[in-house]
Amino acid sequence: MDVRPMPMPDFRCIAIYRLPIYDMIQSFRCSDTAELFAGRCVPRFGNIRAVAERKLRLLQSASTLEFPRSPPGNRLQLLAGDRKGRYSIRINEQWRICFIWTHDGPAAVEIIDYH
């Protein structure tokens, strides 16, 4: 009879966290932004797709306006001029995600070429 030792079980540490998931984005102002958020490929956002998706997910989970302030690289700012009353967070030097903050969360979300 061939007796082989039983392999030792592989004990690994598993950390389980309970994180609240919010669906905060109320509406999109731009259909291309909505398409990108839904996971579809939008050619005009090709070179910024990964960062834009990450920032949209951040905005989707923002239960307060303070949430998108972190990390500081987002550069959350209240806009002026023809975009008065809207906020923006930076994707890169050229692109921004603009939105209106309502008591229910961000609305009229769009990705714009800021320059």
C-alpha atoms as a PDB file:
ATOM      1  CA  MET A   1       0.000   0.000   0.000  1.00  0.00           C
ATOM      2  CA  ASP A   2       1.358   3.428  -1.021  1.00  0.00           C
ATOM      3  CA  VAL A   3       0.991   5.834   1.880  1.00  0.00           C
ATOM      4  CA  ARG A   4       1.653   9.454   1.075  1.00  0.00           C
ATOM      5  CA  PRO A   5       1.569  12.227   3.598  1.00  0.00           C
ATOM      6  CA  MET A   6      -1.410  14.539   3.409  1.00  0.00           C
ATOM      7  CA  PRO A   7      -0.490  17.981   2.130  1.00  0.00           C
ATOM      8  CA  MET A   8      -0.692  20.699   4.709  1.00  0.00           C
ATOM      9  CA  PRO A   9      -3.647  23.005   4.226  1.00  0.00           C
ATOM     10  CA  ASP A  10      -2.780  26.397   2.821  1.00  0.00           C
ATOM     11  CA  PHE A  11      -3.856  28.829   5.503  1.00  0.00           C
ATOM     12  CA  ARG A  12      -4.038  32.355   4.219  1.00  0.00           C
ATOM     13  CA  CYS A  13      -5.315  35.435   5.872  1.00  0.00           C
ATOM     14  CA  ILE A  14      -8.520  36.670   4.343  1.00  0.00           C
ATOM     15  CA  ALA A  15      -9.688  40.119   5.301  1.00  0.00           C
ATOM     16  CA  ILE A  16     -13.340  40.795   4.761  1.00  0.00           C
ATOM     17  CA  TYR A  17     -14.601  44.334   4.942  1.00  0.00           C
ATOM     18  CA  ARG A  18     -18.096  45.676   4.854  1.00  0.00           C
ATOM     19  CA  LEU A  19     -18.038  48.754   2.718  1.00  0.00           C
ATOM     20  CA  PRO A  20     -21.189  50.660   1.913  1.00  0.00           C
ATOM     21  CA  ILE A  21     -21.826  50.948  -1.797  1.00  0.00           C
ATOM     22  CA  TYR A  22     -23.838  53.913  -2.895  1.00  0.00           C
ATOM     23  CA  ASP A  23     -25.440  54.624  -6.241  1.00  0.00           C
ATOM     24  CA  MET A  24     -25.072  58.366  -6.102  1.00  0.00           C
ATOM     25  CA  ILE A  25     -24.905  59.574  -9.717  1.00  0.00           C
ATOM     26  CA  GLN A  26     -28.392  60.870 -10.484  1.00  0.00           C
ATOM     27  CA  SER A  27     -28.038  61.694 -14.184  1.00  0.00           C
ATOM     28  CA  PHE A  28     -25.639  62.246 -17.057  1.00  0.00           C
ATOM     29  CA  ARG A  29     -25.506  65.357 -19.204  1.00  0.00           C
ATOM     30  CA  CYS A  30     -23.495  63.620 -21.923  1.00  0.00           C
ATOM     31  CA  SER A  31     -24.430  60.293 -23.542  1.00  0.00           C
ATOM     32  CA  ASP A  32     -20.748  59.441 -24.146  1.00  0.00           C
ATOM     33  CA  THR A  33     -20.073  59.792 -20.415  1.00  0.00           C
ATOM     34  CA  ALA A  34     -23.039  57.531 -19.632  1.00  0.00           C
ATOM     35  CA  GLU A  35     -21.752  54.962 -22.143  1.00  0.00           C
ATOM     36  CA  LEU A  36     -18.274  54.999 -20.598  1.00  0.00           C
ATOM     37  CA  PHE A  37     -19.762  54.627 -17.117  1.00  0.00           C
ATOM     38  CA  ALA A  38     -21.746  51.607 -18.365  1.00  0.00           C
ATOM     39  CA  GLY A  39     -18.470  49.973 -19.420  1.00  0.00           C
ATOM     40  CA  ARG A  40     -18.723  50.573 -23.140  1.00  0.00           C
ATOM     41  CA  CYS A  41     -15.834  51.751 -25.288  1.00  0.00           C
ATOM     42  CA  VAL A  42     -16.105  55.403 -26.304  1.00  0.00           C
ATOM     43  CA  PRO A  43     -13.458  56.270 -28.925  1.00  0.00           C
ATOM     44  CA  ARG A  44     -13.042  59.921 -27.918  1.00  0.00           C
ATOM     45  CA  PHE A  45     -12.134  58.867 -24.368  1.00  0.00           C
ATOM     46  CA  GLY A  46      -9.692  56.165 -25.503  1.00  0.00           C
ATOM     47  CA  ASN A  47      -6.521  57.556 -23.944  1.00  0.00           C
ATOM     48  CA  ILE A  48      -8.203  58.552 -20.658  1.00  0.00           C
ATOM     49  CA  ARG A  49     -10.565  55.608 -20.310  1.00  0.00           C
ATOM     50  CA  ALA A  50      -9.033  53.888 -17.262  1.00  0.00           C
ATOM     51  CA  VAL A  51      -8.631  57.076 -15.229  1.00  0.00           C
ATOM     52  CA  ALA A  52     -12.056  58.399 -16.256  1.00  0.00           C
ATOM     53  CA  GLU A  53     -13.755  55.133 -15.243  1.00  0.00           C
ATOM     54  CA  ARG A  54     -11.977  55.185 -11.885  1.00  0.00           C
ATOM     55  CA  LYS A  55     -13.029  58.796 -11.220  1.00  0.00           C
ATOM     56  CA  LEU A  56     -16.629  58.069 -12.272  1.00  0.00           C
ATOM     57  CA  ARG A  57     -16.709  55.136  -9.818  1.00  0.00           C
ATOM     58  CA  LEU A  58     -15.391  57.473  -7.130  1.00  0.00           C
ATOM     59  CA  LEU A  59     -18.160  59.945  -7.918  1.00  0.00           C
ATOM     60  CA  GLN A  60     -20.711  57.109  -7.956  1.00  0.00           C
ATOM     61  CA  SER A  61     -19.830  56.259  -4.346  1.00  0.00           C
ATOM     62  CA  ALA A  62     -19.632  59.871  -3.108  1.00  0.00           C
ATOM     63  CA  SER A  63     -22.272  60.332  -0.437  1.00  0.00           C
ATOM     64  CA  THR A  64     -21.047  63.865   0.352  1.00  0.00           C
ATOM     65  CA  LEU A  65     -19.293  66.578  -1.607  1.00  0.00           C
ATOM     66  CA  GLU A  66     -16.245  66.103   0.635  1.00  0.00           C
ATOM     67  CA  PHE A  67     -15.685  62.584  -0.700  1.00  0.00           C
ATOM     68  CA  PRO A  68     -14.251  63.569  -4.130  1.00  0.00           C
ATOM     69  CA  ARG A  69     -11.721  65.893  -2.432  1.00  0.00           C
ATOM     70  CA  SER A  70      -9.538  62.879  -1.747  1.00  0.00           C
ATOM     71  CA  PRO A  71      -7.070  62.209  -3.218  1.00  0.00           C
ATOM     72  CA  PRO A  72      -5.889  65.809  -3.609  1.00  0.00           C
ATOM     73  CA  GLY A  73      -5.021  65.081  -7.259  1.00  0.00           C
ATOM     74  CA  ASN A  74      -8.751  65.188  -8.034  1.00  0.00           C
ATOM     75  CA  ARG A  75      -8.582  68.950  -7.518  1.00  0.00           C
ATOM     76  CA  LEU A  76     -12.274  69.321  -6.769  1.00  0.00           C
ATOM     77  CA  GLN A  77     -13.276  72.888  -7.551  1.00  0.00           C
ATOM     78  CA  LEU A  78     -16.367  75.024  -7.880  1.00  0.00           C
ATOM     79  CA  LEU A  79     -16.491  76.483 -11.368  1.00  0.00           C
ATOM     80  CA  ALA A  80     -17.315  80.044 -12.393  1.00  0.00           C
ATOM     81  CA  GLY A  81     -18.375  81.820 -15.564  1.00  0.00           C
ATOM     82  CA  ASP A  82     -20.674  79.900 -17.902  1.00  0.00           C
ATOM     83  CA  ARG A  83     -20.303  76.812 -15.681  1.00  0.00           C
ATOM     84  CA  LYS A  84     -21.168  78.643 -12.455  1.00  0.00           C
ATOM     85  CA  GLY A  85     -22.691  76.338  -9.853  1.00  0.00           C
ATOM     86  CA  ARG A  86     -21.002  73.234 -11.257  1.00  0.00           C
ATOM     87  CA  TYR A  87     -18.063  71.332  -9.792  1.00  0.00           C
ATOM     88  CA  SER A  88     -15.213  69.567 -11.520  1.00  0.00           C
ATOM     89  CA  ILE A  89     -12.643  66.929 -10.715  1.00  0.00           C
ATOM     90  CA  ARG A  90      -9.538  66.535 -12.815  1.00  0.00           C
ATOM     91  CA  ILE A  91      -8.865  63.510 -15.000  1.00  0.00           C
ATOM     92  CA  ASN A  92      -5.675  65.025 -16.425  1.00  0.00           C
ATOM     93  CA  GLU A  93      -4.447  68.435 -17.585  1.00  0.00           C
ATOM     94  CA  GLN A  94      -6.970  68.484 -20.437  1.00  0.00           C
ATOM     95  CA  TRP A  95     -10.045  66.554 -19.270  1.00  0.00           C
ATOM     96  CA  ARG A  96     -12.456  67.124 -16.366  1.00  0.00           C
ATOM     97  CA  ILE A  97     -15.550  65.458 -14.975  1.00  0.00           C
ATOM     98  CA  CYS A  98     -18.099  68.208 -14.353  1.00  0.00           C
ATOM     99  CA  PHE A  99     -21.272  67.846 -12.324  1.00  0.00           C
ATOM    100  CA  ILE A 100     -23.876  69.613 -10.235  1.00  0.00           C
ATOM    101  CA  TRP A 101     -24.057  68.582  -6.582  1.00  0.00           C
ATOM    102  CA  THR A 102     -27.619  68.022  -5.342  1.00  0.00           C
ATOM    103  CA  HIS A 103     -28.890  66.770  -1.987  1.00  0.00           C
ATOM    104  CA  ASP A 104     -29.222  63.342  -3.674  1.00  0.00           C
ATOM    105  CA  GLY A 105     -25.679  63.370  -5.062  1.00  0.00           C
ATOM    106  CA  PRO A 106     -23.991  64.331  -8.339  1.00  0.00           C
ATOM    107  CA  ALA A 107     -26.216  65.092 -11.332  1.00  0.00           C
ATOM    108  CA  ALA A 108     -25.710  66.216 -14.936  1.00  0.00           C
ATOM    109  CA  VAL A 109     -22.342  64.432 -14.970  1.00  0.00           C
ATOM    110  CA  GLU A 110     -20.215  64.920 -18.078  1.00  0.00           C
ATOM    111  CA  ILE A 111     -16.617  64.536 -19.184  1.00  0.00           C
ATOM    112  CA  ILE A 112     -15.397  67.662 -20.933  1.00  0.00           C
ATOM    113  CA  ASP A 113     -12.300  68.807 -22.755  1.00  0.00           C
ATOM    114  CA  TYR A 114     -11.570  71.739 -20.480  1.00  0.00           C
ATOM    115  CA  HIS A 115      -9.127  73.600 -22.710  1.00  0.00           C
END
